[in-house]
Amino acid sequence: MGNTVAGGGRDLRILIVDSYGDTTNFVLDRMERNGFRISYECIDSAHELRERLRRKSWDMVVCDSYMPAGEIIRIVRERDERLPILFVPGAMAGGYMDAVIGFSQDAMAAPLWPGHDA
């Protein structure tokens, strides 16, 4: 099932792999604050990741740090070598990073772009 969060700026299709549910709210809040209009699906397994990548085009995959990074990267790269992957540390999604960062609303873990090793 797809969902949409209105921002007003650029449209993004994001596939969120979230084992505990806290990453989804964190990412959607940050993207909306920065003016993006998000269409997203949230899943919680590598098997579902394969299926969603096969069925639909995405602008980005966002994954919580509790998922097996190597497997996630391998699955995404098998389907699309250029699709950005953003890993959000669990502490960041849980609010810890907000306290550490303070006023900075744009700090997120760096996406894994093509050519970068995991």
Protein backbone atom coordinates (compact mmCIF):
# COMPACT_ATOMS: atom_id res chain seq x y z
CA MET A 1 0.00 0.00 0.00
CA GLY A 2 1.38 3.39 -0.94
CA ASN A 3 1.23 6.52 1.17
CA THR A 4 1.85 10.20 0.46
CA VAL A 5 3.20 12.99 2.65
CA ALA A 6 2.69 16.48 1.23
CA GLY A 7 5.58 18.89 1.34
CA GLY A 8 5.27 21.15 -1.66
CA GLY A 9 8.62 20.66 -3.37
CA ARG A 10 10.10 17.86 -5.41
CA ASP A 11 8.27 14.53 -5.52
CA LEU A 12 10.21 11.54 -4.20
CA ARG A 13 9.29 7.86 -4.26
CA ILE A 14 10.89 6.28 -1.22
CA LEU A 15 10.96 2.63 -0.24
CA ILE A 16 11.52 2.42 3.52
CA VAL A 17 12.88 -0.77 5.09
CA ASP A 18 12.07 -0.34 8.76
CA SER A 19 12.19 -3.21 11.23
CA TYR A 20 10.88 -1.26 14.25
CA GLY A 21 8.80 1.57 12.78
CA ASP A 22 10.72 4.54 14.18
CA THR A 23 12.74 5.22 11.03
CA THR A 24 9.65 5.83 8.90
CA ASN A 25 8.36 8.72 10.99
CA PHE A 26 11.83 10.23 11.32
CA VAL A 27 12.51 10.19 7.57
CA LEU A 28 9.07 11.44 6.57
CA ASP A 29 9.25 14.29 9.09
CA ARG A 30 12.69 15.41 7.85
CA MET A 31 11.75 15.17 4.18
CA GLU A 32 8.51 17.08 4.70
CA ARG A 33 10.33 19.81 6.68
CA ASN A 34 12.66 20.21 3.71
CA GLY A 35 9.82 20.65 1.24
CA PHE A 36 9.62 17.23 -0.39
CA ARG A 37 6.38 15.54 -1.37
CA ILE A 38 6.88 11.88 -0.49
CA SER A 39 5.22 8.79 -1.90
CA TYR A 40 6.40 5.84 0.13
CA GLU A 41 5.95 2.26 1.11
CA CYS A 42 7.22 0.82 4.34
CA ILE A 43 8.35 -2.79 4.55
CA ASP A 44 10.25 -4.81 7.13
CA SER A 45 12.14 -7.58 5.36
CA ALA A 46 14.67 -8.29 2.63
CA HIS A 47 12.14 -10.55 0.89
CA GLU A 48 9.66 -7.66 0.65
CA LEU A 49 12.47 -5.39 -0.57
CA ARG A 50 13.07 -7.67 -3.55
CA GLU A 51 9.36 -7.72 -4.39
CA ARG A 52 8.86 -3.94 -4.16
CA LEU A 53 11.98 -3.22 -6.23
CA ARG A 54 10.73 -5.62 -8.88
CA ARG A 55 7.24 -4.09 -9.03
CA LYS A 56 7.92 -0.36 -8.93
CA SER A 57 10.50 2.38 -9.59
CA TRP A 58 11.94 4.24 -6.60
CA ASP A 59 14.03 7.38 -6.14
CA MET A 60 15.65 6.15 -2.93
CA VAL A 61 15.73 3.27 -0.48
CA VAL A 62 15.88 4.23 3.20
CA CYS A 63 16.80 1.56 5.71
CA ASP A 64 17.15 1.43 9.46
CA SER A 65 20.50 0.31 10.80
CA TYR A 66 19.01 -2.82 12.36
CA MET A 67 18.63 -4.47 8.96
CA PRO A 68 21.55 -6.45 7.50
CA ALA A 69 23.34 -3.75 5.47
CA GLY A 70 25.25 -6.11 3.19
CA GLU A 71 22.11 -7.96 2.18
CA ILE A 72 20.15 -4.75 1.63
CA ILE A 73 22.91 -3.28 -0.54
CA ARG A 74 23.24 -6.49 -2.55
CA ILE A 75 19.49 -6.70 -3.21
CA VAL A 76 19.25 -3.06 -4.26
CA ARG A 77 22.37 -3.20 -6.47
CA GLU A 78 21.12 -6.35 -8.22
CA ARG A 79 18.07 -4.38 -9.30
CA ASP A 80 19.53 -0.88 -9.82
CA GLU A 81 23.19 0.07 -9.48
CA ARG A 82 22.39 3.79 -9.28
CA LEU A 83 19.57 3.80 -6.72
CA PRO A 84 20.66 5.72 -3.59
CA ILE A 85 20.50 3.87 -0.27
CA LEU A 86 20.25 5.81 2.98
CA PHE A 87 20.92 4.02 6.26
CA VAL A 88 19.46 5.82 9.27
CA PRO A 89 21.04 4.84 12.58
CA GLY A 90 18.47 3.63 15.10
CA ALA A 91 19.60 6.22 17.65
CA MET A 92 18.97 8.95 15.09
CA ALA A 93 15.42 7.82 14.44
CA GLY A 94 14.82 7.43 18.15
CA GLY A 95 15.55 11.08 18.84
CA TYR A 96 19.09 10.85 20.23
CA MET A 97 20.62 12.58 17.21
CA ASP A 98 18.11 15.43 17.44
CA ALA A 99 19.48 16.20 20.89
CA VAL A 100 23.08 15.94 19.72
CA ILE A 101 22.60 17.93 16.54
CA GLY A 102 20.50 20.62 18.19
CA PHE A 103 19.52 23.20 15.61
CA SER A 104 20.63 21.27 12.51
CA GLN A 105 17.61 19.78 10.76
CA ASP A 106 19.43 18.48 7.72
CA ALA A 107 21.85 16.00 9.30
CA MET A 108 21.29 12.46 8.14
CA ALA A 109 23.54 9.49 7.50
CA ALA A 110 25.22 9.79 4.10
CA PRO A 111 23.58 7.80 1.30
CA LEU A 112 25.57 5.04 -0.36
CA TRP A 113 25.98 6.24 -3.92
CA PRO A 114 27.24 4.08 -6.76
CA GLY A 115 30.96 3.45 -6.53
CA HIS A 116 31.09 3.58 -2.73
CA ASP A 117 31.79 0.41 -0.81
CA ALA A 118 29.65 -0.61 2.12
